[in-house]
Amino acid sequence: QLSCLLKMVTLHGIPEDLDSYPRDLLLFLSPSDYAATGSCSQYFDNIGKANLDVLPRESPPRKQLLLEALACLRIPGTQIDEDNAEILGHLVCDLGGEYIRGSGGSLLKHLRQCDSFLPDQEEAIRSILSSGNTTFGPPAAWSAFTLRELSDFIPAFDHSILQEIPK
């Protein structure tokens, strides 16, 4: 329905008021098409707020969106800063484990919005949390409050993390 709506909306070219349309519609528009009405970072800021689940996870169009977002934001390696993570929005949930590791604990806040994690993402989250190099400190220092803060990541915990948490 969204791709059909996009065809109708763009029948006579890209409308100037494209930002007033539902963000989910932008998932079917390429960044180069959007460039006529705004910047690619503005496009990905809107995409990051869209319902990405309209496109199946790991589908070619969704993977392509992430690749184009990383290119647009000129992210050279695997480290994503706070500003870029904010622009990526829900696309953060599609980042591979190398980006999660490369960004250290700074992505944890943004990863909370993810419904689930792929195995390499879980491994990266475990690695970061067990290192103790986050604002939460090492698992041996976690309290009930810390566990509430980390509740979105508990499914990713393994035995080595769990046994370090004080009773």
N, C-alpha and C. Protein backbone atom coordinates (compact mmCIF):
# COMPACT_ATOMS: atom_id res chain seq x y z
N GLN A 1 0.83 -1.19 0.00
CA GLN A 1 0.00 0.00 0.00
C GLN A 1 0.87 1.26 0.00
N LEU A 2 1.95 1.22 0.80
CA LEU A 2 2.83 2.39 0.87
C LEU A 2 3.54 2.65 -0.45
N SER A 3 4.03 1.58 -1.09
CA SER A 3 4.72 1.79 -2.36
C SER A 3 3.75 2.29 -3.43
N CYS A 4 2.51 1.84 -3.37
CA CYS A 4 1.48 2.31 -4.30
C CYS A 4 1.18 3.79 -4.03
N LEU A 5 1.05 4.14 -2.77
CA LEU A 5 0.80 5.54 -2.39
C LEU A 5 1.96 6.42 -2.85
N LEU A 6 3.19 5.95 -2.70
CA LEU A 6 4.35 6.71 -3.13
C LEU A 6 4.29 6.98 -4.64
N LYS A 7 3.88 5.97 -5.41
CA LYS A 7 3.77 6.15 -6.86
C LYS A 7 2.76 7.24 -7.19
N MET A 8 1.66 7.26 -6.44
CA MET A 8 0.63 8.29 -6.68
C MET A 8 1.14 9.67 -6.28
N VAL A 9 1.82 9.74 -5.15
CA VAL A 9 2.32 11.02 -4.64
C VAL A 9 3.39 11.60 -5.55
N THR A 10 4.22 10.73 -6.12
CA THR A 10 5.34 11.20 -6.95
C THR A 10 5.05 11.12 -8.45
N LEU A 11 3.80 10.93 -8.81
CA LEU A 11 3.40 10.81 -10.21
C LEU A 11 3.89 11.99 -11.06
N HIS A 12 3.82 13.18 -10.49
CA HIS A 12 4.24 14.38 -11.22
C HIS A 12 5.51 14.96 -10.62
N GLY A 13 6.38 14.09 -10.14
CA GLY A 13 7.63 14.54 -9.53
C GLY A 13 7.54 14.51 -8.01
N ILE A 14 8.65 14.78 -7.37
CA ILE A 14 8.72 14.76 -5.91
C ILE A 14 8.08 16.03 -5.37
N PRO A 15 7.05 15.90 -4.54
CA PRO A 15 6.40 17.10 -4.00
C PRO A 15 7.30 17.84 -3.00
N GLU A 16 7.16 19.16 -2.97
CA GLU A 16 7.95 19.99 -2.06
C GLU A 16 7.66 19.67 -0.60
N ASP A 17 6.41 19.30 -0.31
CA ASP A 17 5.99 19.06 1.08
C ASP A 17 6.10 17.59 1.48
N LEU A 18 7.08 16.90 0.94
CA LEU A 18 7.23 15.46 1.19
C LEU A 18 7.34 15.14 2.68
N ASP A 19 7.92 16.05 3.45
CA ASP A 19 8.05 15.82 4.89
C ASP A 19 6.71 15.79 5.61
N SER A 20 5.66 16.26 4.98
CA SER A 20 4.35 16.26 5.62
C SER A 20 3.62 14.92 5.43
N TYR A 21 4.17 14.05 4.60
CA TYR A 21 3.59 12.72 4.38
C TYR A 21 4.06 11.76 5.48
N PRO A 22 3.38 10.62 5.65
CA PRO A 22 3.83 9.65 6.67
C PRO A 22 5.28 9.22 6.44
N ARG A 23 6.04 9.14 7.51
CA ARG A 23 7.46 8.77 7.40
C ARG A 23 7.66 7.39 6.79
N ASP A 24 6.72 6.49 7.06
CA ASP A 24 6.83 5.13 6.52
C ASP A 24 6.86 5.14 4.99
N LEU A 25 6.26 6.15 4.40
CA LEU A 25 6.24 6.28 2.94
C LEU A 25 7.67 6.47 2.39
N LEU A 26 8.49 7.16 3.18
CA LEU A 26 9.87 7.44 2.74
C LEU A 26 10.72 6.18 2.62
N LEU A 27 10.29 5.11 3.26
CA LEU A 27 11.04 3.85 3.18
C LEU A 27 11.12 3.33 1.75
N PHE A 28 10.20 3.78 0.91
CA PHE A 28 10.14 3.30 -0.47
C PHE A 28 10.68 4.32 -1.46
N LEU A 29 11.28 5.38 -0.93
CA LEU A 29 11.85 6.43 -1.75
C LEU A 29 13.37 6.40 -1.57
N SER A 30 14.10 6.59 -2.63
CA SER A 30 15.57 6.57 -2.48
C SER A 30 16.05 7.94 -2.00
N PRO A 31 17.19 7.96 -1.31
CA PRO A 31 17.73 9.23 -0.83
C PRO A 31 17.98 10.22 -1.97
N SER A 32 18.37 9.72 -3.13
CA SER A 32 18.63 10.63 -4.25
C SER A 32 17.33 11.29 -4.73
N ASP A 33 16.21 10.55 -4.66
CA ASP A 33 14.92 11.14 -5.02
C ASP A 33 14.54 12.22 -4.01
N TYR A 34 14.83 11.95 -2.76
CA TYR A 34 14.49 12.89 -1.68
C TYR A 34 15.37 14.13 -1.73
N ALA A 35 16.57 14.02 -2.28
CA ALA A 35 17.55 15.11 -2.29
C ALA A 35 16.98 16.40 -2.89
N ALA A 36 16.00 16.27 -3.76
CA ALA A 36 15.40 17.46 -4.36
C ALA A 36 14.67 18.32 -3.33
N THR A 37 14.22 17.71 -2.24
CA THR A 37 13.45 18.45 -1.23
C THR A 37 14.23 18.67 0.06
N GLY A 38 15.34 18.03 0.24
CA GLY A 38 16.11 18.19 1.48
C GLY A 38 17.42 17.44 1.40
N SER A 39 18.13 17.41 2.49
CA SER A 39 19.43 16.74 2.53
C SER A 39 19.26 15.26 2.83
N CYS A 40 20.31 14.49 2.54
CA CYS A 40 20.23 13.05 2.83
C CYS A 40 20.17 12.82 4.34
N SER A 41 20.84 13.67 5.13
CA SER A 41 20.77 13.46 6.59
C SER A 41 19.36 13.74 7.10
N GLN A 42 18.66 14.69 6.49
CA GLN A 42 17.27 14.96 6.87
C GLN A 42 16.40 13.75 6.49
N TYR A 43 16.67 13.17 5.33
CA TYR A 43 15.95 11.98 4.88
C TYR A 43 16.13 10.84 5.89
N PHE A 44 17.38 10.60 6.29
CA PHE A 44 17.63 9.48 7.21
C PHE A 44 17.15 9.79 8.63
N ASP A 45 17.09 11.05 8.99
CA ASP A 45 16.51 11.43 10.27
C ASP A 45 15.02 11.05 10.26
N ASN A 46 14.35 11.28 9.14
CA ASN A 46 12.93 10.88 9.00
C ASN A 46 12.79 9.37 8.95
N ILE A 47 13.68 8.71 8.21
CA ILE A 47 13.65 7.24 8.12
C ILE A 47 13.85 6.62 9.50
N GLY A 48 14.76 7.20 10.27
CA GLY A 48 15.05 6.69 11.61
C GLY A 48 13.86 6.74 12.55
N LYS A 49 12.88 7.58 12.22
CA LYS A 49 11.67 7.69 13.04
C LYS A 49 10.51 6.90 12.44
N ALA A 50 10.72 6.32 11.27
CA ALA A 50 9.67 5.54 10.62
C ALA A 50 9.58 4.15 11.25
N ASN A 51 8.52 3.44 10.90
CA ASN A 51 8.35 2.05 11.35
C ASN A 51 9.12 1.14 10.39
N LEU A 52 10.36 0.84 10.73
CA LEU A 52 11.20 0.03 9.85
C LEU A 52 10.67 -1.38 9.65
N ASP A 53 9.79 -1.82 10.54
CA ASP A 53 9.26 -3.17 10.42
C ASP A 53 8.35 -3.33 9.21
N VAL A 54 8.05 -2.23 8.52
CA VAL A 54 7.32 -2.30 7.26
C VAL A 54 8.16 -3.11 6.26
N LEU A 55 9.49 -2.98 6.40
CA LEU A 55 10.41 -3.78 5.59
C LEU A 55 10.94 -4.91 6.47
N PRO A 56 10.92 -6.15 6.01
CA PRO A 56 11.42 -7.25 6.83
C PRO A 56 12.89 -7.06 7.22
N ARG A 57 13.21 -7.43 8.45
CA ARG A 57 14.58 -7.32 8.92
C ARG A 57 15.48 -8.19 8.05
N GLU A 58 16.64 -7.69 7.74
CA GLU A 58 17.63 -8.37 6.90
C GLU A 58 17.21 -8.45 5.43
N SER A 59 16.13 -7.75 5.05
CA SER A 59 15.74 -7.74 3.63
C SER A 59 16.69 -6.82 2.87
N PRO A 60 16.89 -7.09 1.57
CA PRO A 60 17.80 -6.25 0.78
C PRO A 60 17.46 -4.74 0.84
N PRO A 61 16.18 -4.34 0.74
CA PRO A 61 15.91 -2.89 0.80
C PRO A 61 16.30 -2.27 2.16
N ARG A 62 16.08 -3.02 3.22
CA ARG A 62 16.40 -2.50 4.56
C ARG A 62 17.92 -2.43 4.76
N LYS A 63 18.64 -3.44 4.28
CA LYS A 63 20.10 -3.43 4.34
C LYS A 63 20.65 -2.26 3.52
N GLN A 64 20.05 -2.03 2.35
CA GLN A 64 20.48 -0.94 1.48
C GLN A 64 20.27 0.41 2.16
N LEU A 65 19.16 0.56 2.87
CA LEU A 65 18.90 1.80 3.60
C LEU A 65 20.01 2.09 4.61
N LEU A 66 20.41 1.06 5.34
CA LEU A 66 21.47 1.24 6.33
C LEU A 66 22.79 1.62 5.64
N LEU A 67 23.13 0.94 4.58
CA LEU A 67 24.37 1.26 3.85
C LEU A 67 24.36 2.70 3.33
N GLU A 68 23.22 3.11 2.80
CA GLU A 68 23.11 4.48 2.28
C GLU A 68 23.16 5.50 3.41
N ALA A 69 22.59 5.16 4.56
CA ALA A 69 22.63 6.06 5.72
C ALA A 69 24.07 6.24 6.20
N LEU A 70 24.82 5.15 6.29
CA LEU A 70 26.22 5.22 6.73
C LEU A 70 27.05 6.05 5.75
N ALA A 71 26.76 5.90 4.45
CA ALA A 71 27.48 6.68 3.44
C ALA A 71 27.10 8.16 3.52
N CYS A 72 25.82 8.44 3.66
CA CYS A 72 25.34 9.81 3.76
C CYS A 72 25.96 10.53 4.95
N LEU A 73 26.01 9.84 6.08
CA LEU A 73 26.53 10.45 7.30
C LEU A 73 28.05 10.43 7.36
N ARG A 74 28.66 9.87 6.32
CA ARG A 74 30.12 9.81 6.20
C ARG A 74 30.76 9.16 7.43
N ILE A 75 30.22 8.01 7.79
CA ILE A 75 30.76 7.26 8.91
C ILE A 75 31.85 6.36 8.33
N PRO A 76 33.13 6.71 8.60
CA PRO A 76 34.23 6.03 7.93
C PRO A 76 34.51 4.62 8.45
N GLY A 77 34.41 4.41 9.74
CA GLY A 77 34.74 3.11 10.30
C GLY A 77 33.52 2.50 10.97
N THR A 78 33.74 1.98 12.15
CA THR A 78 32.65 1.32 12.86
C THR A 78 32.26 2.07 14.13
N GLN A 79 32.73 3.30 14.26
CA GLN A 79 32.38 4.09 15.45
C GLN A 79 31.31 5.11 15.08
N ILE A 80 30.21 5.05 15.82
CA ILE A 80 29.09 5.94 15.55
C ILE A 80 28.93 6.88 16.74
N ASP A 81 28.99 8.18 16.46
CA ASP A 81 28.88 9.14 17.56
C ASP A 81 27.41 9.40 17.90
N GLU A 82 27.19 10.15 18.96
CA GLU A 82 25.85 10.41 19.47
C GLU A 82 24.96 11.09 18.44
N ASP A 83 25.50 12.08 17.74
CA ASP A 83 24.69 12.81 16.75
C ASP A 83 24.23 11.88 15.62
N ASN A 84 25.13 11.06 15.11
CA ASN A 84 24.76 10.13 14.04
C ASN A 84 23.82 9.05 14.53
N ALA A 85 24.00 8.59 15.75
CA ALA A 85 23.09 7.60 16.32
C ALA A 85 21.68 8.18 16.43
N GLU A 86 21.60 9.45 16.77
CA GLU A 86 20.31 10.14 16.87
C GLU A 86 19.64 10.20 15.50
N ILE A 87 20.41 10.51 14.46
CA ILE A 87 19.87 10.58 13.10
C ILE A 87 19.44 9.19 12.63
N LEU A 88 20.25 8.18 12.91
CA LEU A 88 19.92 6.82 12.47
C LEU A 88 18.63 6.31 13.11
N GLY A 89 18.34 6.74 14.32
CA GLY A 89 17.11 6.33 14.99
C GLY A 89 16.96 4.83 15.03
N HIS A 90 15.85 4.33 14.48
CA HIS A 90 15.58 2.89 14.49
C HIS A 90 16.56 2.08 13.65
N LEU A 91 17.26 2.74 12.72
CA LEU A 91 18.26 2.02 11.91
C LEU A 91 19.41 1.51 12.78
N VAL A 92 19.58 2.06 13.97
CA VAL A 92 20.61 1.58 14.90
C VAL A 92 20.41 0.09 15.18
N CYS A 93 19.16 -0.34 15.17
CA CYS A 93 18.83 -1.74 15.46
C CYS A 93 19.33 -2.69 14.38
N ASP A 94 19.71 -2.15 13.23
CA ASP A 94 20.22 -2.98 12.14
C ASP A 94 21.74 -2.99 12.06
N LEU A 95 22.39 -2.22 12.92
CA LEU A 95 23.85 -2.18 12.91
C LEU A 95 24.42 -3.53 13.36
N GLY A 96 25.48 -3.95 12.70
CA GLY A 96 26.13 -5.20 13.07
C GLY A 96 26.92 -5.06 14.36
N GLY A 97 27.32 -6.18 14.89
CA GLY A 97 28.08 -6.22 16.13
C GLY A 97 29.35 -5.39 16.09
N GLU A 98 29.99 -5.29 14.91
CA GLU A 98 31.22 -4.51 14.81
C GLU A 98 30.97 -3.02 15.10
N TYR A 99 29.80 -2.52 14.73
CA TYR A 99 29.47 -1.12 15.03
C TYR A 99 29.16 -0.94 16.52
N ILE A 100 28.49 -1.92 17.10
CA ILE A 100 28.16 -1.85 18.53
C ILE A 100 29.45 -1.86 19.34
N ARG A 101 30.36 -2.79 18.99
CA ARG A 101 31.65 -2.84 19.68
C ARG A 101 32.47 -1.57 19.43
N GLY A 102 32.51 -1.13 18.19
CA GLY A 102 33.30 0.03 17.81
C GLY A 102 32.83 1.32 18.48
N SER A 103 31.57 1.36 18.84
CA SER A 103 31.02 2.57 19.46
C SER A 103 31.01 2.47 20.97
N GLY A 104 31.41 1.32 21.51
CA GLY A 104 31.45 1.16 22.96
C GLY A 104 30.07 1.30 23.56
N GLY A 105 30.02 1.81 24.75
CA GLY A 105 28.75 1.94 25.46
C GLY A 105 27.85 3.05 24.94
N SER A 106 28.36 3.88 24.01
CA SER A 106 27.57 5.03 23.56
C SER A 106 26.32 4.64 22.78
N LEU A 107 26.26 3.46 22.20
CA LEU A 107 25.08 3.03 21.45
C LEU A 107 24.03 2.36 22.33
N LEU A 108 24.40 1.99 23.55
CA LEU A 108 23.47 1.25 24.40
C LEU A 108 22.13 1.97 24.56
N LYS A 109 22.19 3.27 24.78
CA LYS A 109 20.97 4.06 24.97
C LYS A 109 20.06 3.93 23.75
N HIS A 110 20.64 3.92 22.57
CA HIS A 110 19.86 3.85 21.33
C HIS A 110 19.39 2.43 21.02
N LEU A 111 20.15 1.44 21.48
CA LEU A 111 19.78 0.05 21.23
C LEU A 111 18.59 -0.40 22.08
N ARG A 112 18.25 0.37 23.10
CA ARG A 112 17.11 0.03 23.95
C ARG A 112 15.80 -0.03 23.18
N GLN A 113 15.72 0.71 22.09
CA GLN A 113 14.49 0.77 21.31
C GLN A 113 14.27 -0.47 20.44
N CYS A 114 15.27 -1.34 20.34
CA CYS A 114 15.19 -2.52 19.47
C CYS A 114 14.33 -3.60 20.12
N ASP A 115 13.50 -4.24 19.30
CA ASP A 115 12.64 -5.31 19.81
C ASP A 115 13.42 -6.58 20.08
N SER A 116 14.44 -6.83 19.28
CA SER A 116 15.24 -8.04 19.45
C SER A 116 16.62 -7.79 18.86
N PHE A 117 17.52 -8.73 19.13
CA PHE A 117 18.89 -8.61 18.65
C PHE A 117 19.29 -9.87 17.91
N LEU A 118 20.12 -9.69 16.89
CA LEU A 118 20.70 -10.82 16.18
C LEU A 118 21.86 -11.35 17.01
N PRO A 119 22.28 -12.60 16.79
CA PRO A 119 23.35 -13.19 17.61
C PRO A 119 24.63 -12.35 17.68
N ASP A 120 25.08 -11.76 16.57
CA ASP A 120 26.31 -10.97 16.63
C ASP A 120 26.11 -9.67 17.41
N GLN A 121 24.88 -9.13 17.40
CA GLN A 121 24.58 -7.94 18.19
C GLN A 121 24.59 -8.29 19.68
N GLU A 122 23.99 -9.43 20.02
CA GLU A 122 23.97 -9.87 21.43
C GLU A 122 25.39 -10.07 21.95
N GLU A 123 26.23 -10.68 21.11
CA GLU A 123 27.61 -10.93 21.52
C GLU A 123 28.34 -9.62 21.76
N ALA A 124 28.11 -8.63 20.90
CA ALA A 124 28.74 -7.32 21.05
C ALA A 124 28.25 -6.61 22.32
N ILE A 125 26.96 -6.71 22.59
CA ILE A 125 26.38 -6.11 23.80
C ILE A 125 26.99 -6.76 25.04
N ARG A 126 27.07 -8.09 25.02
CA ARG A 126 27.69 -8.81 26.15
C ARG A 126 29.13 -8.36 26.36
N SER A 127 29.86 -8.25 25.27
CA SER A 127 31.26 -7.85 25.33
C SER A 127 31.41 -6.46 25.96
N ILE A 128 30.59 -5.53 25.55
CA ILE A 128 30.66 -4.17 26.08
C ILE A 128 30.28 -4.14 27.56
N LEU A 129 29.17 -4.81 27.90
CA LEU A 129 28.71 -4.78 29.29
C LEU A 129 29.66 -5.51 30.23
N SER A 130 30.21 -6.62 29.79
CA SER A 130 31.11 -7.36 30.67
C SER A 130 32.47 -6.68 30.82
N SER A 131 32.82 -5.79 29.87
CA SER A 131 34.09 -5.07 29.97
C SER A 131 34.10 -4.10 31.15
N GLY A 132 32.92 -3.63 31.53
CA GLY A 132 32.81 -2.66 32.62
C GLY A 132 33.12 -1.24 32.19
N ASN A 133 33.42 -1.05 30.90
CA ASN A 133 33.76 0.29 30.39
C ASN A 133 32.52 1.05 29.92
N THR A 134 31.48 1.01 30.71
CA THR A 134 30.26 1.76 30.42
C THR A 134 29.91 2.55 31.67
N THR A 135 28.90 3.37 31.57
CA THR A 135 28.45 4.13 32.74
C THR A 135 27.90 3.20 33.82
N PHE A 136 27.60 1.96 33.46
CA PHE A 136 27.06 1.00 34.42
C PHE A 136 28.15 0.32 35.24
N GLY A 137 29.39 0.41 34.77
CA GLY A 137 30.49 -0.25 35.45
C GLY A 137 30.46 -1.75 35.22
N PRO A 138 31.33 -2.49 35.92
CA PRO A 138 31.38 -3.95 35.73
C PRO A 138 30.17 -4.63 36.36
N PRO A 139 29.78 -5.78 35.83
CA PRO A 139 28.62 -6.50 36.38
C PRO A 139 28.71 -6.74 37.89
N ALA A 140 29.91 -6.89 38.43
CA ALA A 140 30.07 -7.13 39.87
C ALA A 140 29.61 -5.93 40.70
N ALA A 141 29.48 -4.77 40.06
CA ALA A 141 29.06 -3.56 40.79
C ALA A 141 27.60 -3.19 40.52
N TRP A 142 26.89 -4.00 39.75
CA TRP A 142 25.51 -3.66 39.40
C TRP A 142 24.58 -3.84 40.59
N SER A 143 23.57 -2.98 40.63
CA SER A 143 22.55 -3.04 41.68
C SER A 143 21.20 -3.36 41.01
N ALA A 144 20.16 -3.42 41.82
CA ALA A 144 18.82 -3.64 41.27
C ALA A 144 18.45 -2.49 40.32
N PHE A 145 18.86 -1.27 40.68
CA PHE A 145 18.60 -0.11 39.83
C PHE A 145 19.29 -0.29 38.47
N THR A 146 20.54 -0.74 38.49
CA THR A 146 21.29 -0.95 37.24
C THR A 146 20.59 -1.99 36.37
N LEU A 147 20.12 -3.05 36.99
CA LEU A 147 19.42 -4.09 36.22
C LEU A 147 18.13 -3.57 35.61
N ARG A 148 17.44 -2.68 36.31
CA ARG A 148 16.25 -2.06 35.72
C ARG A 148 16.65 -1.22 34.50
N GLU A 149 17.76 -0.50 34.62
CA GLU A 149 18.27 0.32 33.50
C GLU A 149 18.67 -0.56 32.31
N LEU A 150 19.16 -1.74 32.60
CA LEU A 150 19.64 -2.66 31.55
C LEU A 150 18.59 -3.70 31.15
N SER A 151 17.36 -3.54 31.61
CA SER A 151 16.34 -4.58 31.42
C SER A 151 16.16 -4.98 29.95
N ASP A 152 16.34 -4.04 29.01
CA ASP A 152 16.19 -4.38 27.59
C ASP A 152 17.27 -5.33 27.09
N PHE A 153 18.38 -5.41 27.83
CA PHE A 153 19.51 -6.23 27.40
C PHE A 153 19.61 -7.56 28.14
N ILE A 154 18.79 -7.77 29.15
CA ILE A 154 18.87 -9.00 29.95
C ILE A 154 18.80 -10.26 29.08
N PRO A 155 17.96 -10.31 28.04
CA PRO A 155 17.96 -11.52 27.20
C PRO A 155 19.32 -11.80 26.56
N ALA A 156 20.17 -10.80 26.43
CA ALA A 156 21.49 -10.99 25.82
C ALA A 156 22.54 -11.43 26.83
N PHE A 157 22.23 -11.36 28.13
CA PHE A 157 23.19 -11.76 29.16
C PHE A 157 23.49 -13.24 29.04
N ASP A 158 24.73 -13.61 29.29
CA ASP A 158 25.09 -15.02 29.33
C ASP A 158 25.49 -15.39 30.76
N HIS A 159 25.87 -16.63 30.94
CA HIS A 159 26.19 -17.14 32.28
C HIS A 159 27.32 -16.34 32.93
N SER A 160 28.33 -15.97 32.16
CA SER A 160 29.48 -15.26 32.75
C SER A 160 29.07 -13.91 33.33
N ILE A 161 28.14 -13.22 32.69
CA ILE A 161 27.65 -11.94 33.22
C ILE A 161 26.77 -12.19 34.43
N LEU A 162 25.86 -13.14 34.29
CA LEU A 162 24.90 -13.41 35.36
C LEU A 162 25.59 -13.82 36.67
N GLN A 163 26.64 -14.60 36.57
CA GLN A 163 27.29 -15.06 37.80
C GLN A 163 28.08 -13.95 38.49
N GLU A 164 28.41 -12.87 37.79
CA GLU A 164 29.15 -11.76 38.39
C GLU A 164 28.23 -10.78 39.14
N ILE A 165 26.94 -10.75 38.77
CA ILE A 165 26.01 -9.79 39.37
C ILE A 165 25.79 -10.17 40.84
N PRO A 166 25.97 -9.19 41.74
CA PRO A 166 25.76 -9.49 43.17
C PRO A 166 24.31 -9.89 43.44
N LYS A 167 24.15 -10.80 44.41
CA LYS A 167 22.82 -11.24 44.76
C LYS A 167 22.04 -10.10 45.37
